[in-house]
Amino acid sequence: ALSWPDRLYTDWEPLDLVKAGNLTFREPDHHKYPCMQLAYAAGR
């Protein structure tokens, strides 16, 4: 956000996909997270 549109070199740890391992996904449980539905309703 500060450097856009440039890309500044960093010495931060680069992403290692092997180290990151499995990338998983699941649908959110609306009973566990009712605030999501409240936000969609307020936005609409």
PDB file of all heavy atoms in Angstrom:
ATOM      1  N   ALA A   1       0.830  -1.206   0.000  1.00  0.00           N
ATOM      2  CA  ALA A   1       0.000   0.000   0.000  1.00  0.00           C
ATOM      3  C   ALA A   1       0.865   1.257   0.000  1.00  0.00           C
ATOM      4  O   ALA A   1       0.488   2.281  -0.578  1.00  0.00           O
ATOM      5  CB  ALA A   1      -0.930   0.002   1.209  1.00  0.00           C
ATOM      6  N   LEU A   2       2.027   1.189   0.636  1.00  0.00           N
ATOM      7  CA  LEU A   2       2.917   2.347   0.698  1.00  0.00           C
ATOM      8  C   LEU A   2       3.782   2.485  -0.549  1.00  0.00           C
ATOM      9  O   LEU A   2       4.118   3.598  -0.964  1.00  0.00           O
ATOM     10  CB  LEU A   2       3.811   2.251   1.941  1.00  0.00           C
ATOM     11  CG  LEU A   2       3.112   2.431   3.292  1.00  0.00           C
ATOM     12  CD1 LEU A   2       4.071   2.125   4.432  1.00  0.00           C
ATOM     13  CD2 LEU A   2       2.563   3.851   3.424  1.00  0.00           C
ATOM     14  N   SER A   3       4.163   1.371  -1.155  1.00  0.00           N
ATOM     15  CA  SER A   3       5.114   1.416  -2.275  1.00  0.00           C
ATOM     16  C   SER A   3       4.451   1.361  -3.645  1.00  0.00           C
ATOM     17  O   SER A   3       5.097   1.640  -4.653  1.00  0.00           O
ATOM     18  CB  SER A   3       6.100   0.249  -2.174  1.00  0.00           C
ATOM     19  OG  SER A   3       5.433  -1.001  -2.357  1.00  0.00           O
ATOM     20  N   TRP A   4       3.160   0.989  -3.716  1.00  0.00           N
ATOM     21  CA  TRP A   4       2.461   0.848  -4.993  1.00  0.00           C
ATOM     22  C   TRP A   4       2.665   2.084  -5.861  1.00  0.00           C
ATOM     23  O   TRP A   4       2.622   3.209  -5.376  1.00  0.00           O
ATOM     24  CB  TRP A   4       0.973   0.635  -4.745  1.00  0.00           C
ATOM     25  CG  TRP A   4       0.186   0.450  -6.018  1.00  0.00           C
ATOM     26  CD1 TRP A   4      -0.058  -0.710  -6.667  1.00  0.00           C
ATOM     27  CD2 TRP A   4      -0.458   1.476  -6.785  1.00  0.00           C
ATOM     28  NE1 TRP A   4      -0.809  -0.481  -7.796  1.00  0.00           N
ATOM     29  CE2 TRP A   4      -1.068   0.859  -7.903  1.00  0.00           C
ATOM     30  CE3 TRP A   4      -0.571   2.866  -6.662  1.00  0.00           C
ATOM     31  CZ2 TRP A   4      -1.776   1.564  -8.862  1.00  0.00           C
ATOM     32  CZ3 TRP A   4      -1.267   3.575  -7.628  1.00  0.00           C
ATOM     33  CH2 TRP A   4      -1.862   2.935  -8.708  1.00  0.00           C
ATOM     34  N   PRO A   5       2.922   1.900  -7.155  1.00  0.00           N
ATOM     35  CA  PRO A   5       2.898   0.657  -7.945  1.00  0.00           C
ATOM     36  C   PRO A   5       4.224  -0.107  -7.947  1.00  0.00           C
ATOM     37  O   PRO A   5       4.364  -1.095  -8.654  1.00  0.00           O
ATOM     38  CB  PRO A   5       2.573   1.160  -9.345  1.00  0.00           C
ATOM     39  CG  PRO A   5       3.235   2.500  -9.402  1.00  0.00           C
ATOM     40  CD  PRO A   5       3.087   3.094  -8.026  1.00  0.00           C
ATOM     41  N   ASP A   6       5.206   0.352  -7.156  1.00  0.00           N
ATOM     42  CA  ASP A   6       6.501  -0.323  -7.126  1.00  0.00           C
ATOM     43  C   ASP A   6       6.456  -1.546  -6.221  1.00  0.00           C
ATOM     44  O   ASP A   6       5.580  -1.685  -5.363  1.00  0.00           O
ATOM     45  CB  ASP A   6       7.585   0.640  -6.630  1.00  0.00           C
ATOM     46  CG  ASP A   6       7.804   1.806  -7.582  1.00  0.00           C
ATOM     47  OD1 ASP A   6       7.608   1.613  -8.796  1.00  0.00           O
ATOM     48  OD2 ASP A   6       8.147   2.904  -7.111  1.00  0.00           O
ATOM     49  N   ARG A   7       7.417  -2.421  -6.428  1.00  0.00           N
ATOM     50  CA  ARG A   7       7.628  -3.577  -5.567  1.00  0.00           C
ATOM     51  C   ARG A   7       9.020  -3.458  -4.956  1.00  0.00           C
ATOM     52  O   ARG A   7      10.020  -3.464  -5.678  1.00  0.00           O
ATOM     53  CB  ARG A   7       7.529  -4.887  -6.361  1.00  0.00           C
ATOM     54  CG  ARG A   7       6.145  -5.213  -6.899  1.00  0.00           C
ATOM     55  CD  ARG A   7       5.280  -5.855  -5.830  1.00  0.00           C
ATOM     56  NE  ARG A   7       4.037  -6.380  -6.388  1.00  0.00           N
ATOM     57  CZ  ARG A   7       3.129  -7.060  -5.688  1.00  0.00           C
ATOM     58  NH1 ARG A   7       3.336  -7.298  -4.413  1.00  0.00           N
ATOM     59  NH2 ARG A   7       2.023  -7.481  -6.263  1.00  0.00           N
ATOM     60  N   LEU A   8       9.086  -3.327  -3.627  1.00  0.00           N
ATOM     61  CA  LEU A   8      10.367  -3.182  -2.961  1.00  0.00           C
ATOM     62  C   LEU A   8      10.899  -4.545  -2.540  1.00  0.00           C
ATOM     63  O   LEU A   8      10.149  -5.401  -2.058  1.00  0.00           O
ATOM     64  CB  LEU A   8      10.235  -2.281  -1.729  1.00  0.00           C
ATOM     65  CG  LEU A   8       9.790  -0.838  -1.986  1.00  0.00           C
ATOM     66  CD1 LEU A   8       9.776  -0.048  -0.675  1.00  0.00           C
ATOM     67  CD2 LEU A   8      10.695  -0.153  -3.002  1.00  0.00           C
ATOM     68  N   TYR A   9      12.198  -4.728  -2.716  1.00  0.00           N
ATOM     69  CA  TYR A   9      12.842  -5.974  -2.277  1.00  0.00           C
ATOM     70  C   TYR A   9      12.812  -6.052  -0.754  1.00  0.00           C
ATOM     71  O   TYR A   9      13.058  -5.067  -0.056  1.00  0.00           O
ATOM     72  CB  TYR A   9      14.282  -6.028  -2.769  1.00  0.00           C
ATOM     73  CG  TYR A   9      15.059  -7.200  -2.189  1.00  0.00           C
ATOM     74  CD1 TYR A   9      14.966  -8.464  -2.755  1.00  0.00           C
ATOM     75  CD2 TYR A   9      15.853  -7.035  -1.057  1.00  0.00           C
ATOM     76  CE1 TYR A   9      15.652  -9.536  -2.212  1.00  0.00           C
ATOM     77  CE2 TYR A   9      16.554  -8.100  -0.503  1.00  0.00           C
ATOM     78  CZ  TYR A   9      16.442  -9.358  -1.090  1.00  0.00           C
ATOM     79  OH  TYR A   9      17.118 -10.419  -0.544  1.00  0.00           O
ATOM     80  N   THR A  10      12.498  -7.222  -0.223  1.00  0.00           N
ATOM     81  CA  THR A  10      12.583  -7.439   1.223  1.00  0.00           C
ATOM     82  C   THR A  10      13.467  -8.651   1.508  1.00  0.00           C
ATOM     83  O   THR A  10      13.657  -9.526   0.644  1.00  0.00           O
ATOM     84  CB  THR A  10      11.195  -7.713   1.861  1.00  0.00           C
ATOM     85  OG1 THR A  10      10.805  -9.066   1.575  1.00  0.00           O
ATOM     86  CG2 THR A  10      10.149  -6.752   1.342  1.00  0.00           C
ATOM     87  N   ASP A  11      13.988  -8.696   2.724  1.00  0.00           N
ATOM     88  CA  ASP A  11      14.753  -9.859   3.172  1.00  0.00           C
ATOM     89  C   ASP A  11      13.905 -10.739   4.084  1.00  0.00           C
ATOM     90  O   ASP A  11      14.427 -11.559   4.839  1.00  0.00           O
ATOM     91  CB  ASP A  11      16.037  -9.420   3.885  1.00  0.00           C
ATOM     92  CG  ASP A  11      15.766  -8.548   5.105  1.00  0.00           C
ATOM     93  OD1 ASP A  11      14.579  -8.307   5.426  1.00  0.00           O
ATOM     94  OD2 ASP A  11      16.742  -8.093   5.733  1.00  0.00           O
ATOM     95  N   TRP A  12      12.585 -10.556   4.022  1.00  0.00           N
ATOM     96  CA  TRP A  12      11.684 -11.369   4.833  1.00  0.00           C
ATOM     97  C   TRP A  12      11.670 -12.805   4.326  1.00  0.00           C
ATOM     98  O   TRP A  12      12.011 -13.085   3.173  1.00  0.00           O
ATOM     99  CB  TRP A  12      10.274 -10.790   4.796  1.00  0.00           C
ATOM    100  CG  TRP A  12      10.214  -9.360   5.240  1.00  0.00           C
ATOM    101  CD1 TRP A  12      11.116  -8.698   6.034  1.00  0.00           C
ATOM    102  CD2 TRP A  12       9.216  -8.393   4.900  1.00  0.00           C
ATOM    103  NE1 TRP A  12      10.744  -7.396   6.214  1.00  0.00           N
ATOM    104  CE2 TRP A  12       9.585  -7.170   5.528  1.00  0.00           C
ATOM    105  CE3 TRP A  12       8.059  -8.428   4.131  1.00  0.00           C
ATOM    106  CZ2 TRP A  12       8.824  -6.012   5.409  1.00  0.00           C
ATOM    107  CZ3 TRP A  12       7.289  -7.284   4.017  1.00  0.00           C
ATOM    108  CH2 TRP A  12       7.670  -6.087   4.651  1.00  0.00           C
ATOM    109  N   GLU A  13      11.251 -13.704   5.189  1.00  0.00           N
ATOM    110  CA  GLU A  13      11.236 -15.124   4.834  1.00  0.00           C
ATOM    111  C   GLU A  13      10.322 -15.353   3.636  1.00  0.00           C
ATOM    112  O   GLU A  13       9.130 -15.044   3.680  1.00  0.00           O
ATOM    113  CB  GLU A  13      10.744 -15.966   6.012  1.00  0.00           C
ATOM    114  CG  GLU A  13      10.717 -17.461   5.708  1.00  0.00           C
ATOM    115  CD  GLU A  13      10.109 -18.284   6.834  1.00  0.00           C
ATOM    116  OE1 GLU A  13       9.670 -17.693   7.842  1.00  0.00           O
ATOM    117  OE2 GLU A  13      10.058 -19.526   6.679  1.00  0.00           O
ATOM    118  N   PRO A  14      10.847 -15.893   2.531  1.00  0.00           N
ATOM    119  CA  PRO A  14       9.982 -16.154   1.369  1.00  0.00           C
ATOM    120  C   PRO A  14       9.072 -17.354   1.631  1.00  0.00           C
ATOM    121  O   PRO A  14       9.381 -18.222   2.448  1.00  0.00           O
ATOM    122  CB  PRO A  14      10.984 -16.453   0.246  1.00  0.00           C
ATOM    123  CG  PRO A  14      12.203 -16.958   0.950  1.00  0.00           C
ATOM    124  CD  PRO A  14      12.258 -16.250   2.265  1.00  0.00           C
ATOM    125  N   LEU A  15       7.960 -17.365   0.934  1.00  0.00           N
ATOM    126  CA  LEU A  15       7.017 -18.465   1.085  1.00  0.00           C
ATOM    127  C   LEU A  15       7.608 -19.747   0.516  1.00  0.00           C
ATOM    128  O   LEU A  15       8.077 -19.790  -0.618  1.00  0.00           O
ATOM    129  CB  LEU A  15       5.707 -18.147   0.367  1.00  0.00           C
ATOM    130  CG  LEU A  15       4.640 -19.245   0.399  1.00  0.00           C
ATOM    131  CD1 LEU A  15       4.185 -19.511   1.829  1.00  0.00           C
ATOM    132  CD2 LEU A  15       3.452 -18.868  -0.481  1.00  0.00           C
ATOM    133  N   ASP A  16       7.596 -20.798   1.306  1.00  0.00           N
ATOM    134  CA  ASP A  16       8.044 -22.131   0.893  1.00  0.00           C
ATOM    135  C   ASP A  16       6.801 -23.022   0.876  1.00  0.00           C
ATOM    136  O   ASP A  16       6.271 -23.381   1.929  1.00  0.00           O
ATOM    137  CB  ASP A  16       9.085 -22.656   1.885  1.00  0.00           C
ATOM    138  CG  ASP A  16       9.664 -24.009   1.482  1.00  0.00           C
ATOM    139  OD1 ASP A  16       8.954 -24.789   0.808  1.00  0.00           O
ATOM    140  OD2 ASP A  16      10.815 -24.295   1.864  1.00  0.00           O
ATOM    141  N   LEU A  17       6.341 -23.374  -0.323  1.00  0.00           N
ATOM    142  CA  LEU A  17       5.102 -24.134  -0.430  1.00  0.00           C
ATOM    143  C   LEU A  17       5.221 -25.520   0.197  1.00  0.00           C
ATOM    144  O   LEU A  17       4.247 -26.048   0.748  1.00  0.00           O
ATOM    145  CB  LEU A  17       4.690 -24.253  -1.893  1.00  0.00           C
ATOM    146  CG  LEU A  17       4.169 -22.961  -2.535  1.00  0.00           C
ATOM    147  CD1 LEU A  17       3.943 -23.162  -4.021  1.00  0.00           C
ATOM    148  CD2 LEU A  17       2.888 -22.496  -1.860  1.00  0.00           C
ATOM    149  N   VAL A  18       6.411 -26.104   0.112  1.00  0.00           N
ATOM    150  CA  VAL A  18       6.607 -27.419   0.730  1.00  0.00           C
ATOM    151  C   VAL A  18       6.494 -27.297   2.247  1.00  0.00           C
ATOM    152  O   VAL A  18       5.854 -28.118   2.913  1.00  0.00           O
ATOM    153  CB  VAL A  18       7.967 -28.005   0.323  1.00  0.00           C
ATOM    154  CG1 VAL A  18       8.231 -29.308   1.074  1.00  0.00           C
ATOM    155  CG2 VAL A  18       8.023 -28.244  -1.186  1.00  0.00           C
ATOM    156  N   LYS A  19       7.116 -26.247   2.797  1.00  0.00           N
ATOM    157  CA  LYS A  19       7.031 -26.011   4.241  1.00  0.00           C
ATOM    158  C   LYS A  19       5.609 -25.681   4.660  1.00  0.00           C
ATOM    159  O   LYS A  19       5.141 -26.090   5.725  1.00  0.00           O
ATOM    160  CB  LYS A  19       7.976 -24.875   4.624  1.00  0.00           C
ATOM    161  CG  LYS A  19       8.023 -24.579   6.116  1.00  0.00           C
ATOM    162  CD  LYS A  19       9.031 -23.467   6.407  1.00  0.00           C
ATOM    163  CE  LYS A  19       9.065 -23.121   7.885  1.00  0.00           C
ATOM    164  NZ  LYS A  19      10.034 -22.017   8.152  1.00  0.00           N
ATOM    165  N   ALA A  20       4.897 -24.923   3.811  1.00  0.00           N
ATOM    166  CA  ALA A  20       3.514 -24.565   4.127  1.00  0.00           C
ATOM    167  C   ALA A  20       2.628 -25.806   4.186  1.00  0.00           C
ATOM    168  O   ALA A  20       1.674 -25.861   4.959  1.00  0.00           O
ATOM    169  CB  ALA A  20       2.972 -23.581   3.089  1.00  0.00           C
ATOM    170  N   GLY A  21       2.950 -26.807   3.363  1.00  0.00           N
ATOM    171  CA  GLY A  21       2.206 -28.068   3.399  1.00  0.00           C
ATOM    172  C   GLY A  21       0.864 -27.978   2.709  1.00  0.00           C
ATOM    173  O   GLY A  21       0.677 -27.218   1.762  1.00  0.00           O
ATOM    174  N   ASN A  22      -0.098 -28.748   3.202  1.00  0.00           N
ATOM    175  CA  ASN A  22      -1.414 -28.800   2.573  1.00  0.00           C
ATOM    176  C   ASN A  22      -2.173 -27.488   2.754  1.00  0.00           C
ATOM    177  O   ASN A  22      -2.156 -26.894   3.835  1.00  0.00           O
ATOM    178  CB  ASN A  22      -2.242 -29.943   3.170  1.00  0.00           C
ATOM    179  CG  ASN A  22      -1.671 -31.300   2.842  1.00  0.00           C
ATOM    180  OD1 ASN A  22      -1.023 -31.473   1.807  1.00  0.00           O
ATOM    181  ND2 ASN A  22      -1.892 -32.275   3.717  1.00  0.00           N
ATOM    182  N   LEU A  23      -2.828 -27.057   1.702  1.00  0.00           N
ATOM    183  CA  LEU A  23      -3.708 -25.902   1.762  1.00  0.00           C
ATOM    184  C   LEU A  23      -5.133 -26.407   1.633  1.00  0.00           C
ATOM    185  O   LEU A  23      -5.498 -27.011   0.626  1.00  0.00           O
ATOM    186  CB  LEU A  23      -3.371 -24.915   0.637  1.00  0.00           C
ATOM    187  CG  LEU A  23      -1.925 -24.411   0.586  1.00  0.00           C
ATOM    188  CD1 LEU A  23      -1.738 -23.424  -0.556  1.00  0.00           C
ATOM    189  CD2 LEU A  23      -1.518 -23.779   1.912  1.00  0.00           C
ATOM    190  N   THR A  24      -5.929 -26.194   2.660  1.00  0.00           N
ATOM    191  CA  THR A  24      -7.272 -26.768   2.701  1.00  0.00           C
ATOM    192  C   THR A  24      -8.333 -25.667   2.778  1.00  0.00           C
ATOM    193  O   THR A  24      -8.054 -24.532   3.175  1.00  0.00           O
ATOM    194  CB  THR A  24      -7.429 -27.712   3.905  1.00  0.00           C
ATOM    195  OG1 THR A  24      -7.212 -26.962   5.121  1.00  0.00           O
ATOM    196  CG2 THR A  24      -6.420 -28.849   3.830  1.00  0.00           C
ATOM    197  N   PHE A  25      -9.552 -26.042   2.420  1.00  0.00           N
ATOM    198  CA  PHE A  25     -10.659 -25.086   2.368  1.00  0.00           C
ATOM    199  C   PHE A  25     -11.936 -25.785   2.823  1.00  0.00           C
ATOM    200  O   PHE A  25     -12.095 -26.980   2.612  1.00  0.00           O
ATOM    201  CB  PHE A  25     -10.852 -24.555   0.942  1.00  0.00           C
ATOM    202  CG  PHE A  25      -9.589 -24.024   0.324  1.00  0.00           C
ATOM    203  CD1 PHE A  25      -8.763 -24.866  -0.409  1.00  0.00           C
ATOM    204  CD2 PHE A  25      -9.216 -22.709   0.509  1.00  0.00           C
ATOM    205  CE1 PHE A  25      -7.586 -24.398  -0.964  1.00  0.00           C
ATOM    206  CE2 PHE A  25      -8.034 -22.233  -0.041  1.00  0.00           C
ATOM    207  CZ  PHE A  25      -7.227 -23.067  -0.783  1.00  0.00           C
ATOM    208  N   ARG A  26     -12.811 -25.014   3.452  1.00  0.00           N
ATOM    209  CA  ARG A  26     -14.124 -25.553   3.795  1.00  0.00           C
ATOM    210  C   ARG A  26     -15.141 -24.423   3.875  1.00  0.00           C
ATOM    211  O   ARG A  26     -14.798 -23.259   4.098  1.00  0.00           O
ATOM    212  CB  ARG A  26     -14.086 -26.360   5.092  1.00  0.00           C
ATOM    213  CG  ARG A  26     -13.612 -25.635   6.333  1.00  0.00           C
ATOM    214  CD  ARG A  26     -13.627 -26.614   7.502  1.00  0.00           C
ATOM    215  NE  ARG A  26     -13.302 -26.003   8.779  1.00  0.00           N
ATOM    216  CZ  ARG A  26     -12.204 -26.223   9.459  1.00  0.00           C
ATOM    217  NH1 ARG A  26     -11.283 -27.043   8.979  1.00  0.00           N
ATOM    218  NH2 ARG A  26     -11.996 -25.647  10.637  1.00  0.00           N
ATOM    219  N   GLU A  27     -16.378 -24.794   3.687  1.00  0.00           N
ATOM    220  CA  GLU A  27     -17.447 -23.811   3.736  1.00  0.00           C
ATOM    221  C   GLU A  27     -17.686 -23.384   5.178  1.00  0.00           C
ATOM    222  O   GLU A  27     -17.691 -24.220   6.082  1.00  0.00           O
ATOM    223  CB  GLU A  27     -18.731 -24.422   3.150  1.00  0.00           C
ATOM    224  CG  GLU A  27     -19.880 -23.447   3.039  1.00  0.00           C
ATOM    225  CD  GLU A  27     -21.105 -24.089   2.407  1.00  0.00           C
ATOM    226  OE1 GLU A  27     -21.022 -25.258   2.001  1.00  0.00           O
ATOM    227  OE2 GLU A  27     -22.154 -23.399   2.332  1.00  0.00           O
ATOM    228  N   PRO A  28     -17.889 -22.092   5.419  1.00  0.00           N
ATOM    229  CA  PRO A  28     -18.154 -21.649   6.792  1.00  0.00           C
ATOM    230  C   PRO A  28     -19.495 -22.146   7.304  1.00  0.00           C
ATOM    231  O   PRO A  28     -20.464 -22.255   6.541  1.00  0.00           O
ATOM    232  CB  PRO A  28     -18.118 -20.119   6.693  1.00  0.00           C
ATOM    233  CG  PRO A  28     -18.363 -19.812   5.253  1.00  0.00           C
ATOM    234  CD  PRO A  28     -17.819 -20.962   4.472  1.00  0.00           C
ATOM    235  N   ASP A  29     -19.540 -22.460   8.583  1.00  0.00           N
ATOM    236  CA  ASP A  29     -20.750 -22.953   9.234  1.00  0.00           C
ATOM    237  C   ASP A  29     -21.570 -21.739   9.689  1.00  0.00           C
ATOM    238  O   ASP A  29     -21.168 -21.003  10.598  1.00  0.00           O
ATOM    239  CB  ASP A  29     -20.367 -23.818  10.439  1.00  0.00           C
ATOM    240  CG  ASP A  29     -21.562 -24.422  11.145  1.00  0.00           C
ATOM    241  OD1 ASP A  29     -22.687 -23.913  10.982  1.00  0.00           O
ATOM    242  OD2 ASP A  29     -21.378 -25.411  11.892  1.00  0.00           O
ATOM    243  N   HIS A  30     -22.731 -21.533   9.081  1.00  0.00           N
ATOM    244  CA  HIS A  30     -23.526 -20.347   9.394  1.00  0.00           C
ATOM    245  C   HIS A  30     -24.134 -20.416  10.790  1.00  0.00           C
ATOM    246  O   HIS A  30     -24.489 -19.377  11.365  1.00  0.00           O
ATOM    247  CB  HIS A  30     -24.623 -20.151   8.346  1.00  0.00           C
ATOM    248  CG  HIS A  30     -24.081 -19.805   6.992  1.00  0.00           C
ATOM    249  ND1 HIS A  30     -23.625 -18.547   6.681  1.00  0.00           N
ATOM    250  CD2 HIS A  30     -23.885 -20.559   5.873  1.00  0.00           C
ATOM    251  CE1 HIS A  30     -23.186 -18.517   5.432  1.00  0.00           C
ATOM    252  NE2 HIS A  30     -23.335 -19.730   4.914  1.00  0.00           N
ATOM    253  N   HIS A  31     -24.281 -21.605  11.354  1.00  0.00           N
ATOM    254  CA  HIS A  31     -24.764 -21.721  12.730  1.00  0.00           C
ATOM    255  C   HIS A  31     -23.681 -21.303  13.714  1.00  0.00           C
ATOM    256  O   HIS A  31     -23.973 -20.706  14.755  1.00  0.00           O
ATOM    257  CB  HIS A  31     -25.232 -23.152  13.011  1.00  0.00           C
ATOM    258  CG  HIS A  31     -26.426 -23.562  12.216  1.00  0.00           C
ATOM    259  ND1 HIS A  31     -27.684 -23.052  12.460  1.00  0.00           N
ATOM    260  CD2 HIS A  31     -26.559 -24.410  11.162  1.00  0.00           C
ATOM    261  CE1 HIS A  31     -28.543 -23.571  11.597  1.00  0.00           C
ATOM    262  NE2 HIS A  31     -27.888 -24.401  10.802  1.00  0.00           N
ATOM    263  N   LYS A  32     -22.442 -21.585  13.387  1.00  0.00           N
ATOM    264  CA  LYS A  32     -21.327 -21.195  14.248  1.00  0.00           C
ATOM    265  C   LYS A  32     -21.000 -19.717  14.087  1.00  0.00           C
ATOM    266  O   LYS A  32     -20.568 -19.058  15.036  1.00  0.00           O
ATOM    267  CB  LYS A  32     -20.086 -22.038  13.918  1.00  0.00           C
ATOM    268  CG  LYS A  32     -18.897 -21.752  14.852  1.00  0.00           C
ATOM    269  CD  LYS A  32     -17.634 -22.452  14.378  1.00  0.00           C
ATOM    270  CE  LYS A  32     -17.698 -23.944  14.559  1.00  0.00           C
ATOM    271  NZ  LYS A  32     -16.384 -24.602  14.277  1.00  0.00           N
ATOM    272  N   TYR A  33     -21.192 -19.196  12.877  1.00  0.00           N
ATOM    273  CA  TYR A  33     -20.791 -17.821  12.564  1.00  0.00           C
ATOM    274  C   TYR A  33     -21.988 -17.009  12.050  1.00  0.00           C
ATOM    275  O   TYR A  33     -22.016 -16.573  10.897  1.00  0.00           O
ATOM    276  CB  TYR A  33     -19.700 -17.828  11.492  1.00  0.00           C
ATOM    277  CG  TYR A  33     -18.454 -18.595  11.845  1.00  0.00           C
ATOM    278  CD1 TYR A  33     -18.093 -19.751  11.130  1.00  0.00           C
ATOM    279  CD2 TYR A  33     -17.602 -18.172  12.855  1.00  0.00           C
ATOM    280  CE1 TYR A  33     -16.934 -20.447  11.421  1.00  0.00           C
ATOM    281  CE2 TYR A  33     -16.437 -18.863  13.158  1.00  0.00           C
ATOM    282  CZ  TYR A  33     -16.114 -20.005  12.436  1.00  0.00           C
ATOM    283  OH  TYR A  33     -14.963 -20.687  12.722  1.00  0.00           O
ATOM    284  N   PRO A  34     -22.986 -16.724  12.888  1.00  0.00           N
ATOM    285  CA  PRO A  34     -24.166 -15.973  12.417  1.00  0.00           C
ATOM    286  C   PRO A  34     -23.841 -14.531  12.025  1.00  0.00           C
ATOM    287  O   PRO A  34     -24.623 -13.909  11.297  1.00  0.00           O
ATOM    288  CB  PRO A  34     -25.121 -16.021  13.615  1.00  0.00           C
ATOM    289  CG  PRO A  34     -24.235 -16.251  14.804  1.00  0.00           C
ATOM    290  CD  PRO A  34     -23.126 -17.120  14.305  1.00  0.00           C
ATOM    291  N   CYS A  35     -22.716 -13.994  12.497  1.00  0.00           N
ATOM    292  CA  CYS A  35     -22.376 -12.606  12.165  1.00  0.00           C
ATOM    293  C   CYS A  35     -22.167 -12.407  10.662  1.00  0.00           C
ATOM    294  O   CYS A  35     -22.371 -11.302  10.146  1.00  0.00           O
ATOM    295  CB  CYS A  35     -21.125 -12.165  12.930  1.00  0.00           C
ATOM    296  SG  CYS A  35     -21.437 -11.811  14.679  1.00  0.00           S
ATOM    297  N   MET A  36     -21.752 -13.453   9.962  1.00  0.00           N
ATOM    298  CA  MET A  36     -21.593 -13.328   8.510  1.00  0.00           C
ATOM    299  C   MET A  36     -22.902 -12.941   7.849  1.00  0.00           C
ATOM    300  O   MET A  36     -22.956 -12.036   7.014  1.00  0.00           O
ATOM    301  CB  MET A  36     -21.088 -14.644   7.910  1.00  0.00           C
ATOM    302  CG  MET A  36     -19.644 -14.969   8.166  1.00  0.00           C
ATOM    303  SD  MET A  36     -19.151 -16.405   7.176  1.00  0.00           S
ATOM    304  CE  MET A  36     -20.394 -17.600   7.613  1.00  0.00           C
ATOM    305  N   GLN A  37     -23.976 -13.641   8.192  1.00  0.00           N
ATOM    306  CA  GLN A  37     -25.278 -13.362   7.591  1.00  0.00           C
ATOM    307  C   GLN A  37     -25.777 -11.969   7.963  1.00  0.00           C
ATOM    308  O   GLN A  37     -26.403 -11.286   7.144  1.00  0.00           O
ATOM    309  CB  GLN A  37     -26.290 -14.420   8.044  1.00  0.00           C
ATOM    310  CG  GLN A  37     -25.993 -15.812   7.497  1.00  0.00           C
ATOM    311  CD  GLN A  37     -26.900 -16.856   8.118  1.00  0.00           C
ATOM    312  OE1 GLN A  37     -26.963 -17.001   9.332  1.00  0.00           O
ATOM    313  NE2 GLN A  37     -27.624 -17.590   7.274  1.00  0.00           N
ATOM    314  N   LEU A  38     -25.491 -11.534   9.185  1.00  0.00           N
ATOM    315  CA  LEU A  38     -25.888 -10.189   9.599  1.00  0.00           C
ATOM    316  C   LEU A  38     -25.191  -9.142   8.739  1.00  0.00           C
ATOM    317  O   LEU A  38     -25.784  -8.121   8.364  1.00  0.00           O
ATOM    318  CB  LEU A  38     -25.548  -9.971  11.077  1.00  0.00           C
ATOM    319  CG  LEU A  38     -26.276 -10.855  12.092  1.00  0.00           C
ATOM    320  CD1 LEU A  38     -25.796 -10.530  13.506  1.00  0.00           C
ATOM    321  CD2 LEU A  38     -27.783 -10.680  11.987  1.00  0.00           C
ATOM    322  N   ALA A  39     -23.918  -9.385   8.415  1.00  0.00           N
ATOM    323  CA  ALA A  39     -23.163  -8.432   7.607  1.00  0.00           C
ATOM    324  C   ALA A  39     -23.685  -8.382   6.173  1.00  0.00           C
ATOM    325  O   ALA A  39     -23.834  -7.292   5.600  1.00  0.00           O
ATOM    326  CB  ALA A  39     -21.676  -8.795   7.623  1.00  0.00           C
ATOM    327  N   TYR A  40     -23.943  -9.539   5.586  1.00  0.00           N
ATOM    328  CA  TYR A  40     -24.514  -9.552   4.232  1.00  0.00           C
ATOM    329  C   TYR A  40     -25.854  -8.806   4.209  1.00  0.00           C
ATOM    330  O   TYR A  40     -26.136  -8.030   3.285  1.00  0.00           O
ATOM    331  CB  TYR A  40     -24.722 -10.983   3.746  1.00  0.00           C
ATOM    332  CG  TYR A  40     -23.529 -11.597   3.047  1.00  0.00           C
ATOM    333  CD1 TYR A  40     -22.682 -12.478   3.703  1.00  0.00           C
ATOM    334  CD2 TYR A  40     -23.260 -11.308   1.712  1.00  0.00           C
ATOM    335  CE1 TYR A  40     -21.594 -13.048   3.059  1.00  0.00           C
ATOM    336  CE2 TYR A  40     -22.179 -11.877   1.048  1.00  0.00           C
ATOM    337  CZ  TYR A  40     -21.344 -12.757   1.730  1.00  0.00           C
ATOM    338  OH  TYR A  40     -20.270 -13.312   1.082  1.00  0.00           O
ATOM    339  N   ALA A  41     -26.691  -9.038   5.231  1.00  0.00           N
ATOM    340  CA  ALA A  41     -28.003  -8.390   5.276  1.00  0.00           C
ATOM    341  C   ALA A  41     -27.855  -6.875   5.409  1.00  0.00           C
ATOM    342  O   ALA A  41     -28.571  -6.114   4.747  1.00  0.00           O
ATOM    343  CB  ALA A  41     -28.818  -8.952   6.439  1.00  0.00           C
ATOM    344  N   ALA A  42     -26.929  -6.427   6.253  1.00  0.00           N
ATOM    345  CA  ALA A  42     -26.710  -4.991   6.429  1.00  0.00           C
ATOM    346  C   ALA A  42     -26.162  -4.369   5.152  1.00  0.00           C
ATOM    347  O   ALA A  42     -26.561  -3.266   4.757  1.00  0.00           O
ATOM    348  CB  ALA A  42     -25.752  -4.744   7.594  1.00  0.00           C
ATOM    349  N   GLY A  43     -25.251  -5.078   4.495  1.00  0.00           N
ATOM    350  CA  GLY A  43     -24.701  -4.568   3.249  1.00  0.00           C
ATOM    351  C   GLY A  43     -25.759  -4.417   2.181  1.00  0.00           C
ATOM    352  O   GLY A  43     -25.826  -3.398   1.480  1.00  0.00           O
ATOM    353  N   ARG A  44     -26.609  -5.410   2.053  1.00  0.00           N
ATOM    354  CA  ARG A  44     -27.677  -5.347   1.041  1.00  0.00           C
ATOM    355  C   ARG A  44     -28.708  -4.272   1.381  1.00  0.00           C
ATOM    356  O   ARG A  44     -29.290  -3.656   0.482  1.00  0.00           O
ATOM    357  CB  ARG A  44     -28.342  -6.716   0.913  1.00  0.00           C
ATOM    358  CG  ARG A  44     -27.448  -7.772   0.266  1.00  0.00           C
ATOM    359  CD  ARG A  44     -28.199  -9.064  -0.001  1.00  0.00           C
ATOM    360  NE  ARG A  44     -27.397  -9.981  -0.791  1.00  0.00           N
ATOM    361  CZ  ARG A  44     -26.829 -11.104  -0.307  1.00  0.00           C
ATOM    362  NH1 ARG A  44     -26.981 -11.430   0.975  1.00  0.00           N
ATOM    363  NH2 ARG A  44     -26.113 -11.886  -1.098  1.00  0.00           N
TER     364      ARG A  44
END
